[in-house]
Amino acid sequence: MATEKSMEIIKGAILLEQKGKSFYKQIADQTSSNAVKEFFENMVVEEDSHVQMLSEQLTSLKNDGKLKAVDYRENTKEISEQVLSASIKKEISGAGYEAAAISAALMMEEKAVQYYSNRANTTDDAEEKKLFTWLANWEEGHVKLLIEIDKELQQSVWNDNQFWPY
């Protein structure tokens, strides 16, 4: 394993996750929507778990010169049904603060997927490939969820403003 390069990538990943966590916490703290608050609080918890896991791997890399072998599990928590509930659709205004936050969150998550995917595709180390593939897949789940929410918002705005030709 190219230890210095791997450490640099993991530090970048930690920073990416910390930025996401801070951003999502700010949204959760500022929104007046309970559904949006709950969604972003869940995102904070997930980003925090990524920071912790990446920090442990960074420590392992520093101390042992390699990543710990970990059995990464897919996210078993299905938040998409919870998030796309009627309450979140009802509480988010298509032109409001929450809608802008969803768009910004989508861009952040897409950046994370790209960062993790790039490392997974360029490393020769099996544990590092496994780690970054798992992270890319997890963040891709966030991207899909945010796209669904964004589409719902767009449809709502179009319906409210009668943008349909029929």
Foldseek 3Di string as FASTA:
>chain_A
DPLVVLLVLLVVLLVLLVVLLVLLCVCLVPDPQPLSVVVSVVSNVVSVVSNVQSVQQSVCCVPPVGGDQDDDDAPPDDCLCVNPDPSNLVRDALPDPSVVSLVVSLVSLVVLLVSLVVQLVPDPDPRSVVVSVRRSVNSVVVNVSSVVSNVSSVVVVCVVVVVDPD
